[in-house]
Amino acid sequence: MWIGLAAAAGLATLYLSVLAASFYGRRNLLPERLMERGHVLQLHEYTSLIARAFGTRDWVEHAAIDIYNTLAERRGRKVGRASCWS
């Protein structure tokens, strides 16, 4: 069980590291369904729930939208002024 938990934690750390490298780098390192169309949207939902408990939901959601928009723009997608979370 501990090995499975350590493997899951390692994979999560690797995924978040690649996501951060994609955000701060010049190109996306993962396919679209693993980044802005997949896990990033799920991660946004969870962080929004946690941020609501601490009273910082607006700040967290704005940051998530910035990340999504940056990753989508690198794929050549047009991003409008409205949030992509509507």
C-alpha atoms as a PDB file:
ATOM      1  CA  MET A   1       0.000   0.000   0.000  1.00  0.00           C
ATOM      2  CA  TRP A   2       2.816   2.423   0.844  1.00  0.00           C
ATOM      3  CA  ILE A   3       4.502   1.716  -2.463  1.00  0.00           C
ATOM      4  CA  GLY A   4       1.276   2.508  -4.315  1.00  0.00           C
ATOM      5  CA  LEU A   5       0.821   5.714  -2.349  1.00  0.00           C
ATOM      6  CA  ALA A   6       4.416   6.747  -3.019  1.00  0.00           C
ATOM      7  CA  ALA A   7       4.000   5.990  -6.725  1.00  0.00           C
ATOM      8  CA  ALA A   8       0.802   8.074  -6.894  1.00  0.00           C
ATOM      9  CA  ALA A   9       2.503  10.961  -5.090  1.00  0.00           C
ATOM     10  CA  GLY A  10       5.468  10.708  -7.447  1.00  0.00           C
ATOM     11  CA  LEU A  11       3.234  10.779 -10.522  1.00  0.00           C
ATOM     12  CA  ALA A  12       1.302  13.759  -9.163  1.00  0.00           C
ATOM     13  CA  THR A  13       4.557  15.605  -8.488  1.00  0.00           C
ATOM     14  CA  LEU A  14       5.827  14.793 -11.973  1.00  0.00           C
ATOM     15  CA  TYR A  15       2.571  15.974 -13.582  1.00  0.00           C
ATOM     16  CA  LEU A  16       2.562  19.262 -11.658  1.00  0.00           C
ATOM     17  CA  SER A  17       6.237  19.797 -12.496  1.00  0.00           C
ATOM     18  CA  VAL A  18       5.613  19.306 -16.223  1.00  0.00           C
ATOM     19  CA  LEU A  19       2.571  21.576 -15.986  1.00  0.00           C
ATOM     20  CA  ALA A  20       4.672  24.294 -14.323  1.00  0.00           C
ATOM     21  CA  ALA A  21       7.420  23.849 -16.927  1.00  0.00           C
ATOM     22  CA  SER A  22       4.815  24.229 -19.678  1.00  0.00           C
ATOM     23  CA  PHE A  23       3.393  27.356 -18.090  1.00  0.00           C
ATOM     24  CA  TYR A  24       6.745  29.073 -17.542  1.00  0.00           C
ATOM     25  CA  GLY A  25       8.427  27.667 -20.655  1.00  0.00           C
ATOM     26  CA  ARG A  26       7.792  28.488 -24.288  1.00  0.00           C
ATOM     27  CA  ARG A  27       5.807  25.410 -25.301  1.00  0.00           C
ATOM     28  CA  ASN A  28       3.353  22.884 -23.957  1.00  0.00           C
ATOM     29  CA  LEU A  29       4.970  19.604 -22.980  1.00  0.00           C
ATOM     30  CA  LEU A  30       1.820  17.476 -22.725  1.00  0.00           C
ATOM     31  CA  PRO A  31      -1.112  16.835 -25.060  1.00  0.00           C
ATOM     32  CA  GLU A  32      -4.147  19.085 -24.777  1.00  0.00           C
ATOM     33  CA  ARG A  33      -6.344  16.492 -23.061  1.00  0.00           C
ATOM     34  CA  LEU A  34      -3.807  16.147 -20.231  1.00  0.00           C
ATOM     35  CA  MET A  35      -3.427  19.867 -19.728  1.00  0.00           C
ATOM     36  CA  GLU A  36      -5.927  22.631 -20.331  1.00  0.00           C
ATOM     37  CA  ARG A  37      -8.790  20.360 -21.429  1.00  0.00           C
ATOM     38  CA  GLY A  38      -8.414  17.679 -18.782  1.00  0.00           C
ATOM     39  CA  HIS A  39      -6.736  17.671 -15.427  1.00  0.00           C
ATOM     40  CA  VAL A  40      -6.300  21.438 -15.192  1.00  0.00           C
ATOM     41  CA  LEU A  41     -10.071  21.876 -15.257  1.00  0.00           C
ATOM     42  CA  GLN A  42     -10.509  19.200 -12.587  1.00  0.00           C
ATOM     43  CA  LEU A  43      -7.739  20.724 -10.490  1.00  0.00           C
ATOM     44  CA  HIS A  44      -9.464  24.101 -10.772  1.00  0.00           C
ATOM     45  CA  GLU A  45     -12.696  22.666  -9.359  1.00  0.00           C
ATOM     46  CA  TYR A  46     -10.919  21.189  -6.331  1.00  0.00           C
ATOM     47  CA  THR A  47      -8.825  24.255  -5.598  1.00  0.00           C
ATOM     48  CA  SER A  48     -11.914  26.441  -5.934  1.00  0.00           C
ATOM     49  CA  LEU A  49     -13.715  24.399  -3.265  1.00  0.00           C
ATOM     50  CA  ILE A  50     -10.742  24.624  -0.912  1.00  0.00           C
ATOM     51  CA  ALA A  51     -10.244  28.346  -1.589  1.00  0.00           C
ATOM     52  CA  ARG A  52     -13.918  29.021  -0.841  1.00  0.00           C
ATOM     53  CA  ALA A  53     -13.339  27.648   2.665  1.00  0.00           C
ATOM     54  CA  PHE A  54     -10.471  30.131   3.179  1.00  0.00           C
ATOM     55  CA  GLY A  55     -12.254  33.079   1.567  1.00  0.00           C
ATOM     56  CA  THR A  56      -9.799  33.447  -1.334  1.00  0.00           C
ATOM     57  CA  ARG A  57     -11.889  31.919  -4.115  1.00  0.00           C
ATOM     58  CA  ASP A  58     -11.781  34.922  -6.468  1.00  0.00           C
ATOM     59  CA  TRP A  59      -7.996  35.136  -6.341  1.00  0.00           C
ATOM     60  CA  VAL A  60      -7.579  31.394  -6.933  1.00  0.00           C
ATOM     61  CA  GLU A  61     -10.063  31.321  -9.807  1.00  0.00           C
ATOM     62  CA  HIS A  62      -8.389  34.305 -11.481  1.00  0.00           C
ATOM     63  CA  ALA A  63      -5.025  32.534 -11.271  1.00  0.00           C
ATOM     64  CA  ALA A  64      -6.524  29.347 -12.714  1.00  0.00           C
ATOM     65  CA  ILE A  65      -8.030  31.273 -15.628  1.00  0.00           C
ATOM     66  CA  ASP A  66      -4.660  32.890 -16.335  1.00  0.00           C
ATOM     67  CA  ILE A  67      -2.999  29.470 -16.430  1.00  0.00           C
ATOM     68  CA  TYR A  68      -5.693  28.033 -18.705  1.00  0.00           C
ATOM     69  CA  ASN A  69      -5.526  31.010 -21.060  1.00  0.00           C
ATOM     70  CA  THR A  70      -1.730  30.886 -21.297  1.00  0.00           C
ATOM     71  CA  LEU A  71      -1.722  27.180 -22.130  1.00  0.00           C
ATOM     72  CA  ALA A  72      -4.570  27.546 -24.643  1.00  0.00           C
ATOM     73  CA  GLU A  73      -2.936  30.521 -26.394  1.00  0.00           C
ATOM     74  CA  ARG A  74       0.251  28.510 -26.894  1.00  0.00           C
ATOM     75  CA  ARG A  75      -1.807  25.980 -28.849  1.00  0.00           C
ATOM     76  CA  GLY A  76      -3.034  28.750 -31.127  1.00  0.00           C
ATOM     77  CA  ARG A  77      -6.483  29.002 -29.592  1.00  0.00           C
ATOM     78  CA  LYS A  78      -8.176  32.374 -29.313  1.00  0.00           C
ATOM     79  CA  VAL A  79      -9.039  33.341 -25.764  1.00  0.00           C
ATOM     80  CA  GLY A  80     -11.633  36.040 -25.213  1.00  0.00           C
ATOM     81  CA  ARG A  81     -12.130  38.436 -22.353  1.00  0.00           C
ATOM     82  CA  ALA A  82     -14.801  36.279 -20.728  1.00  0.00           C
ATOM     83  CA  SER A  83     -13.619  33.531 -18.459  1.00  0.00           C
ATOM     84  CA  CYS A  84     -13.320  30.053 -19.860  1.00  0.00           C
ATOM     85  CA  TRP A  85     -15.043  28.586 -16.774  1.00  0.00           C
ATOM     86  CA  SER A  86     -18.583  29.719 -17.616  1.00  0.00           C
END
